[in-house]
Amino acid sequence: MRAQDKTLRVQVAIERKCGILLDFDDAWQLRRAELTLHRWAEGECGDGYSCITRDETTGKPFREVSGLSGRNRMIPIPDRETGALKRVAEVCACYGLAFYHQTDPRGCALYVASPSDGMNDTNYNSVGVAVGA
C-alpha cells in the first residue's frame, strides 16, 4: 500500500471516530510521527547489541552499545522522540484532539481521540484512533 493511501486511511478513521476531518498534510504528519515513535520504542527495547537510553541528569539520548570487554559505549544520537511528540502536539492542538503515546513497540505508538472521550493509559486502544500504518 502506498504512503498516500495509508495517510488517507488515517484521515478517514479519525473523521469517523472523532468527527474531525484533518488536512492531508496534518494526517501525514501524524502518520510519520507514529512511525518515528514506533522505531524509537523498538530502539529502546534494543536489538541484542545496542539500545537507546537517556542520561538521567540531562535527558539526552544515547545509543548504548554492548562491548566485548563488558564495558558499554555511549554514543550520542539525535532526539527524534521529542521532535515527533512536539509535531503531534501541534497538530492535535490545531484540531482540538488529545493524543496518547504508547511506548510498547508491539503495537501502534500513537492514538488520538476527542478530549471528551477521556482517553488515558487504560482505555487508549478502545477510545482512541490508532494512527499506525
N, C-alpha and C. Protein backbone atom coordinates (compact mmCIF):
# COMPACT_ATOMS: atom_id res chain seq x y z
N MET A 1 0.84 -1.18 0.00
CA MET A 1 0.00 0.00 0.00
C MET A 1 0.89 1.24 0.00
N ARG A 2 0.51 2.20 -0.79
CA ARG A 2 1.29 3.43 -0.89
C ARG A 2 1.10 4.30 0.35
N ALA A 3 2.07 5.18 0.58
CA ALA A 3 2.03 6.07 1.74
C ALA A 3 0.81 6.99 1.71
N GLN A 4 0.44 7.45 0.51
CA GLN A 4 -0.73 8.32 0.40
C GLN A 4 -2.01 7.58 0.82
N ASP A 5 -2.11 6.31 0.44
CA ASP A 5 -3.28 5.52 0.80
C ASP A 5 -3.34 5.29 2.31
N LYS A 6 -2.19 5.05 2.92
CA LYS A 6 -2.16 4.87 4.38
C LYS A 6 -2.56 6.15 5.09
N THR A 7 -2.12 7.28 4.56
CA THR A 7 -2.48 8.56 5.16
C THR A 7 -3.98 8.82 5.01
N LEU A 8 -4.54 8.49 3.86
CA LEU A 8 -5.98 8.64 3.66
C LEU A 8 -6.76 7.76 4.64
N ARG A 9 -6.26 6.57 4.92
CA ARG A 9 -6.92 5.69 5.89
C ARG A 9 -6.92 6.32 7.28
N VAL A 10 -5.81 6.98 7.64
CA VAL A 10 -5.75 7.67 8.94
C VAL A 10 -6.77 8.80 8.96
N GLN A 11 -6.83 9.57 7.88
CA GLN A 11 -7.79 10.67 7.78
C GLN A 11 -9.23 10.17 7.96
N VAL A 12 -9.58 9.11 7.26
CA VAL A 12 -10.94 8.57 7.32
C VAL A 12 -11.25 8.03 8.71
N ALA A 13 -10.30 7.33 9.32
CA ALA A 13 -10.53 6.74 10.65
C ALA A 13 -10.77 7.83 11.69
N ILE A 14 -10.00 8.90 11.63
CA ILE A 14 -10.18 9.99 12.59
C ILE A 14 -11.50 10.70 12.35
N GLU A 15 -11.87 10.88 11.08
CA GLU A 15 -13.15 11.53 10.79
C GLU A 15 -14.32 10.68 11.28
N ARG A 16 -14.25 9.37 11.09
CA ARG A 16 -15.35 8.50 11.52
C ARG A 16 -15.49 8.47 13.05
N LYS A 17 -14.36 8.38 13.74
CA LYS A 17 -14.42 8.22 15.20
C LYS A 17 -14.61 9.55 15.93
N CYS A 18 -13.92 10.60 15.45
CA CYS A 18 -13.94 11.89 16.16
C CYS A 18 -14.82 12.95 15.49
N GLY A 19 -15.18 12.72 14.24
CA GLY A 19 -15.98 13.71 13.52
C GLY A 19 -15.18 14.92 13.07
N ILE A 20 -13.86 14.76 12.97
CA ILE A 20 -12.98 15.87 12.57
C ILE A 20 -12.20 15.43 11.34
N LEU A 21 -12.30 16.23 10.27
CA LEU A 21 -11.55 15.92 9.06
C LEU A 21 -10.22 16.67 9.09
N LEU A 22 -9.14 15.93 9.20
CA LEU A 22 -7.81 16.53 9.19
C LEU A 22 -7.38 16.85 7.77
N ASP A 23 -6.62 17.90 7.62
CA ASP A 23 -5.98 18.21 6.35
C ASP A 23 -5.03 17.06 6.02
N PHE A 24 -4.84 16.76 4.74
CA PHE A 24 -3.98 15.64 4.35
C PHE A 24 -2.57 15.79 4.92
N ASP A 25 -2.03 17.02 4.87
CA ASP A 25 -0.67 17.23 5.37
C ASP A 25 -0.57 17.00 6.88
N ASP A 26 -1.62 17.33 7.61
CA ASP A 26 -1.61 17.09 9.05
C ASP A 26 -1.73 15.59 9.36
N ALA A 27 -2.56 14.89 8.60
CA ALA A 27 -2.66 13.44 8.77
C ALA A 27 -1.33 12.78 8.43
N TRP A 28 -0.66 13.32 7.41
CA TRP A 28 0.67 12.82 7.02
C TRP A 28 1.66 13.02 8.17
N GLN A 29 1.62 14.19 8.81
CA GLN A 29 2.50 14.47 9.95
C GLN A 29 2.26 13.48 11.08
N LEU A 30 1.00 13.21 11.38
CA LEU A 30 0.69 12.26 12.46
C LEU A 30 1.19 10.86 12.12
N ARG A 31 0.99 10.44 10.89
CA ARG A 31 1.44 9.10 10.49
C ARG A 31 2.96 8.99 10.53
N ARG A 32 3.64 10.01 10.04
CA ARG A 32 5.12 9.98 10.06
C ARG A 32 5.63 10.01 11.50
N ALA A 33 4.98 10.78 12.36
CA ALA A 33 5.38 10.83 13.77
C ALA A 33 5.17 9.47 14.42
N GLU A 34 4.08 8.78 14.07
CA GLU A 34 3.84 7.45 14.64
C GLU A 34 4.94 6.49 14.22
N LEU A 35 5.35 6.54 12.98
CA LEU A 35 6.43 5.67 12.51
C LEU A 35 7.74 5.97 13.26
N THR A 36 8.02 7.24 13.47
CA THR A 36 9.22 7.63 14.21
C THR A 36 9.15 7.14 15.65
N LEU A 37 8.00 7.33 16.30
CA LEU A 37 7.85 6.90 17.69
C LEU A 37 7.93 5.38 17.81
N HIS A 38 7.41 4.68 16.83
CA HIS A 38 7.48 3.22 16.84
C HIS A 38 8.93 2.74 16.72
N ARG A 39 9.68 3.33 15.80
CA ARG A 39 11.10 2.97 15.65
C ARG A 39 11.88 3.31 16.92
N TRP A 40 11.54 4.42 17.56
CA TRP A 40 12.20 4.83 18.79
C TRP A 40 11.94 3.79 19.89
N ALA A 41 10.69 3.34 20.01
CA ALA A 41 10.34 2.34 21.03
C ALA A 41 11.07 1.02 20.77
N GLU A 42 11.21 0.65 19.50
CA GLU A 42 11.98 -0.55 19.17
C GLU A 42 13.44 -0.37 19.59
N GLY A 43 13.98 0.83 19.37
CA GLY A 43 15.36 1.11 19.76
C GLY A 43 15.56 1.07 21.27
N GLU A 44 14.55 1.51 22.02
CA GLU A 44 14.65 1.47 23.48
C GLU A 44 14.67 0.02 23.99
N CYS A 45 13.98 -0.86 23.30
CA CYS A 45 13.98 -2.27 23.71
C CYS A 45 15.30 -2.95 23.33
N GLY A 46 15.95 -2.46 22.31
CA GLY A 46 17.25 -2.99 21.93
C GLY A 46 17.15 -4.11 20.91
N ASP A 47 18.33 -4.43 20.36
CA ASP A 47 18.41 -5.46 19.33
C ASP A 47 19.40 -6.56 19.71
N GLY A 48 19.79 -6.62 20.95
CA GLY A 48 20.76 -7.62 21.38
C GLY A 48 22.16 -7.06 21.50
N TYR A 49 22.45 -5.99 20.76
CA TYR A 49 23.79 -5.40 20.79
C TYR A 49 23.77 -3.95 21.27
N SER A 50 22.64 -3.28 21.08
CA SER A 50 22.56 -1.88 21.49
C SER A 50 21.12 -1.53 21.83
N CYS A 51 20.96 -0.42 22.53
CA CYS A 51 19.62 0.09 22.84
C CYS A 51 19.72 1.60 23.07
N ILE A 52 18.58 2.26 23.01
CA ILE A 52 18.54 3.70 23.25
C ILE A 52 18.29 3.92 24.74
N THR A 53 19.11 4.76 25.34
CA THR A 53 18.92 5.14 26.74
C THR A 53 19.04 6.66 26.84
N ARG A 54 18.58 7.19 27.95
CA ARG A 54 18.69 8.63 28.20
C ARG A 54 19.56 8.84 29.43
N ASP A 55 20.36 9.90 29.38
CA ASP A 55 21.14 10.29 30.54
C ASP A 55 20.16 10.75 31.63
N GLU A 56 20.35 10.25 32.83
CA GLU A 56 19.39 10.55 33.91
C GLU A 56 19.39 12.01 34.33
N THR A 57 20.52 12.69 34.18
CA THR A 57 20.58 14.09 34.63
C THR A 57 20.22 15.07 33.52
N THR A 58 20.70 14.82 32.30
CA THR A 58 20.46 15.77 31.21
C THR A 58 19.27 15.40 30.33
N GLY A 59 18.90 14.12 30.29
CA GLY A 59 17.81 13.68 29.43
C GLY A 59 18.21 13.49 27.98
N LYS A 60 19.51 13.62 27.67
CA LYS A 60 19.97 13.45 26.29
C LYS A 60 19.98 11.96 25.94
N PRO A 61 19.57 11.63 24.69
CA PRO A 61 19.55 10.22 24.29
C PRO A 61 20.92 9.74 23.82
N PHE A 62 21.19 8.47 24.10
CA PHE A 62 22.42 7.80 23.68
C PHE A 62 22.07 6.42 23.17
N ARG A 63 22.87 5.93 22.24
CA ARG A 63 22.80 4.53 21.86
C ARG A 63 23.85 3.83 22.68
N GLU A 64 23.41 2.93 23.54
CA GLU A 64 24.30 2.17 24.40
C GLU A 64 24.67 0.88 23.69
N VAL A 65 25.94 0.76 23.32
CA VAL A 65 26.41 -0.38 22.54
C VAL A 65 27.18 -1.32 23.46
N SER A 66 26.81 -2.60 23.44
CA SER A 66 27.48 -3.59 24.27
C SER A 66 28.88 -3.85 23.73
N GLY A 67 29.83 -3.84 24.64
CA GLY A 67 31.22 -4.10 24.25
C GLY A 67 31.62 -5.52 24.59
N LEU A 68 32.62 -6.02 23.87
CA LEU A 68 33.10 -7.38 24.12
C LEU A 68 33.80 -7.49 25.46
N SER A 69 34.37 -6.40 25.93
CA SER A 69 35.11 -6.42 27.19
C SER A 69 34.19 -6.23 28.40
N GLY A 70 32.89 -6.14 28.16
CA GLY A 70 31.96 -5.94 29.26
C GLY A 70 31.65 -4.48 29.53
N ARG A 71 32.36 -3.58 28.86
CA ARG A 71 32.10 -2.14 29.03
C ARG A 71 31.24 -1.66 27.87
N ASN A 72 30.22 -0.92 28.19
CA ASN A 72 29.32 -0.40 27.17
C ASN A 72 29.77 0.99 26.73
N ARG A 73 29.59 1.26 25.44
CA ARG A 73 29.90 2.58 24.90
C ARG A 73 28.60 3.36 24.76
N MET A 74 28.66 4.64 25.08
CA MET A 74 27.50 5.52 24.95
C MET A 74 27.74 6.48 23.79
N ILE A 75 26.97 6.34 22.73
CA ILE A 75 27.13 7.16 21.53
C ILE A 75 25.96 8.14 21.47
N PRO A 76 26.21 9.45 21.46
CA PRO A 76 25.10 10.42 21.38
C PRO A 76 24.33 10.27 20.06
N ILE A 77 23.02 10.38 20.14
CA ILE A 77 22.18 10.30 18.95
C ILE A 77 21.17 11.45 18.97
N PRO A 78 20.59 11.80 17.82
CA PRO A 78 19.57 12.86 17.78
C PRO A 78 18.31 12.41 18.52
N ASP A 79 17.65 13.34 19.17
CA ASP A 79 16.44 13.06 19.94
C ASP A 79 15.23 13.16 19.02
N ARG A 80 14.91 12.08 18.34
CA ARG A 80 13.79 12.07 17.40
C ARG A 80 12.44 11.94 18.13
N GLU A 81 12.44 11.36 19.31
CA GLU A 81 11.20 11.18 20.06
C GLU A 81 10.58 12.52 20.45
N THR A 82 11.39 13.41 21.00
CA THR A 82 10.88 14.71 21.44
C THR A 82 10.34 15.52 20.27
N GLY A 83 11.05 15.49 19.13
CA GLY A 83 10.59 16.21 17.96
C GLY A 83 9.27 15.67 17.43
N ALA A 84 9.14 14.35 17.41
CA ALA A 84 7.90 13.74 16.92
C ALA A 84 6.73 14.08 17.84
N LEU A 85 6.95 14.01 19.15
CA LEU A 85 5.88 14.35 20.09
C LEU A 85 5.49 15.82 19.99
N LYS A 86 6.46 16.67 19.71
CA LYS A 86 6.16 18.10 19.55
C LYS A 86 5.28 18.33 18.31
N ARG A 87 5.60 17.65 17.21
CA ARG A 87 4.79 17.78 15.99
C ARG A 87 3.37 17.25 16.21
N VAL A 88 3.26 16.14 16.93
CA VAL A 88 1.94 15.58 17.23
C VAL A 88 1.13 16.56 18.07
N ALA A 89 1.77 17.14 19.08
CA ALA A 89 1.07 18.09 19.96
C ALA A 89 0.59 19.30 19.16
N GLU A 90 1.39 19.78 18.22
CA GLU A 90 0.99 20.93 17.41
C GLU A 90 -0.22 20.61 16.54
N VAL A 91 -0.20 19.46 15.88
CA VAL A 91 -1.32 19.07 15.01
C VAL A 91 -2.58 18.87 15.84
N CYS A 92 -2.45 18.17 16.95
CA CYS A 92 -3.62 17.90 17.80
C CYS A 92 -4.20 19.19 18.39
N ALA A 93 -3.34 20.14 18.72
CA ALA A 93 -3.82 21.41 19.26
C ALA A 93 -4.63 22.17 18.21
N CYS A 94 -4.23 22.08 16.95
CA CYS A 94 -4.96 22.77 15.87
C CYS A 94 -6.39 22.25 15.72
N TYR A 95 -6.58 20.96 15.97
CA TYR A 95 -7.89 20.35 15.76
C TYR A 95 -8.63 20.05 17.06
N GLY A 96 -8.05 20.38 18.18
CA GLY A 96 -8.69 20.12 19.46
C GLY A 96 -8.75 18.64 19.81
N LEU A 97 -7.70 17.90 19.44
CA LEU A 97 -7.64 16.48 19.72
C LEU A 97 -6.69 16.20 20.88
N ALA A 98 -6.91 15.09 21.54
CA ALA A 98 -5.98 14.61 22.56
C ALA A 98 -5.21 13.45 21.95
N PHE A 99 -3.99 13.20 22.45
CA PHE A 99 -3.21 12.07 21.93
C PHE A 99 -2.59 11.29 23.08
N TYR A 100 -2.27 10.04 22.78
CA TYR A 100 -1.62 9.17 23.75
C TYR A 100 -0.45 8.48 23.06
N HIS A 101 0.73 8.56 23.66
CA HIS A 101 1.93 7.92 23.12
C HIS A 101 2.13 6.61 23.87
N GLN A 102 1.96 5.50 23.17
CA GLN A 102 2.10 4.17 23.73
C GLN A 102 3.51 3.68 23.41
N THR A 103 4.31 3.38 24.42
CA THR A 103 5.74 3.12 24.22
C THR A 103 6.10 1.65 24.02
N ASP A 104 5.13 0.76 23.99
CA ASP A 104 5.40 -0.65 23.74
C ASP A 104 5.53 -0.85 22.23
N PRO A 105 6.67 -1.36 21.73
CA PRO A 105 6.85 -1.47 20.29
C PRO A 105 6.03 -2.57 19.63
N ARG A 106 5.27 -3.33 20.40
CA ARG A 106 4.48 -4.42 19.81
C ARG A 106 3.17 -3.93 19.21
N GLY A 107 2.84 -2.67 19.39
CA GLY A 107 1.59 -2.15 18.84
C GLY A 107 1.77 -0.77 18.26
N CYS A 108 0.66 -0.13 18.00
CA CYS A 108 0.68 1.24 17.48
C CYS A 108 1.24 2.18 18.54
N ALA A 109 2.04 3.14 18.12
CA ALA A 109 2.69 4.04 19.06
C ALA A 109 1.90 5.31 19.34
N LEU A 110 0.87 5.60 18.54
CA LEU A 110 0.16 6.87 18.68
C LEU A 110 -1.33 6.68 18.49
N TYR A 111 -2.09 7.21 19.43
CA TYR A 111 -3.55 7.19 19.38
C TYR A 111 -4.06 8.61 19.57
N VAL A 112 -5.12 8.96 18.84
CA VAL A 112 -5.74 10.28 19.00
C VAL A 112 -7.23 10.08 19.27
N ALA A 113 -7.81 11.04 19.98
CA ALA A 113 -9.24 11.00 20.31
C ALA A 113 -9.72 12.39 20.67
N SER A 114 -11.02 12.53 20.77
CA SER A 114 -11.60 13.77 21.27
C SER A 114 -11.30 13.88 22.75
N PRO A 115 -11.02 15.09 23.24
CA PRO A 115 -10.76 15.23 24.69
C PRO A 115 -11.95 14.78 25.53
N SER A 116 -13.16 14.89 25.00
CA SER A 116 -14.35 14.49 25.76
C SER A 116 -14.42 12.98 25.97
N ASP A 117 -13.65 12.21 25.19
CA ASP A 117 -13.66 10.75 25.34
C ASP A 117 -12.89 10.29 26.57
N GLY A 118 -12.08 11.16 27.14
CA GLY A 118 -11.34 10.82 28.36
C GLY A 118 -10.32 9.72 28.16
N MET A 119 -9.54 9.82 27.10
CA MET A 119 -8.53 8.80 26.80
C MET A 119 -7.42 8.83 27.85
N ASN A 120 -7.04 7.65 28.36
CA ASN A 120 -5.92 7.55 29.30
C ASN A 120 -5.16 6.25 29.04
N ASP A 121 -4.25 5.89 29.95
CA ASP A 121 -3.40 4.73 29.70
C ASP A 121 -4.11 3.39 29.85
N THR A 122 -5.35 3.38 30.27
CA THR A 122 -6.08 2.11 30.38
C THR A 122 -7.11 1.90 29.27
N ASN A 123 -7.52 2.96 28.59
CA ASN A 123 -8.56 2.81 27.56
C ASN A 123 -8.17 3.38 26.20
N TYR A 124 -6.90 3.71 26.00
CA TYR A 124 -6.48 4.36 24.74
C TYR A 124 -6.79 3.51 23.51
N ASN A 125 -6.72 2.19 23.63
CA ASN A 125 -6.93 1.36 22.44
C ASN A 125 -8.41 1.12 22.14
N SER A 126 -9.31 1.43 23.06
CA SER A 126 -10.74 1.30 22.76
C SER A 126 -11.39 2.66 22.47
N VAL A 127 -10.85 3.72 23.04
CA VAL A 127 -11.41 5.06 22.85
C VAL A 127 -10.75 5.79 21.70
N GLY A 128 -9.42 5.62 21.56
CA GLY A 128 -8.67 6.38 20.58
C GLY A 128 -8.63 5.71 19.21
N VAL A 129 -8.14 6.48 18.24
CA VAL A 129 -7.93 6.00 16.89
C VAL A 129 -6.44 5.72 16.72
N ALA A 130 -6.10 4.50 16.33
CA ALA A 130 -4.70 4.14 16.10
C ALA A 130 -4.23 4.84 14.83
N VAL A 131 -3.13 5.57 14.94
CA VAL A 131 -2.61 6.31 13.80
C VAL A 131 -1.63 5.44 13.00
N GLY A 132 -1.39 4.23 13.43
CA GLY A 132 -0.42 3.34 12.78
C GLY A 132 -0.79 3.00 11.36
N ALA A 133 0.23 2.71 10.58
CA ALA A 133 0.03 2.41 9.18
C ALA A 133 -0.26 0.95 8.95
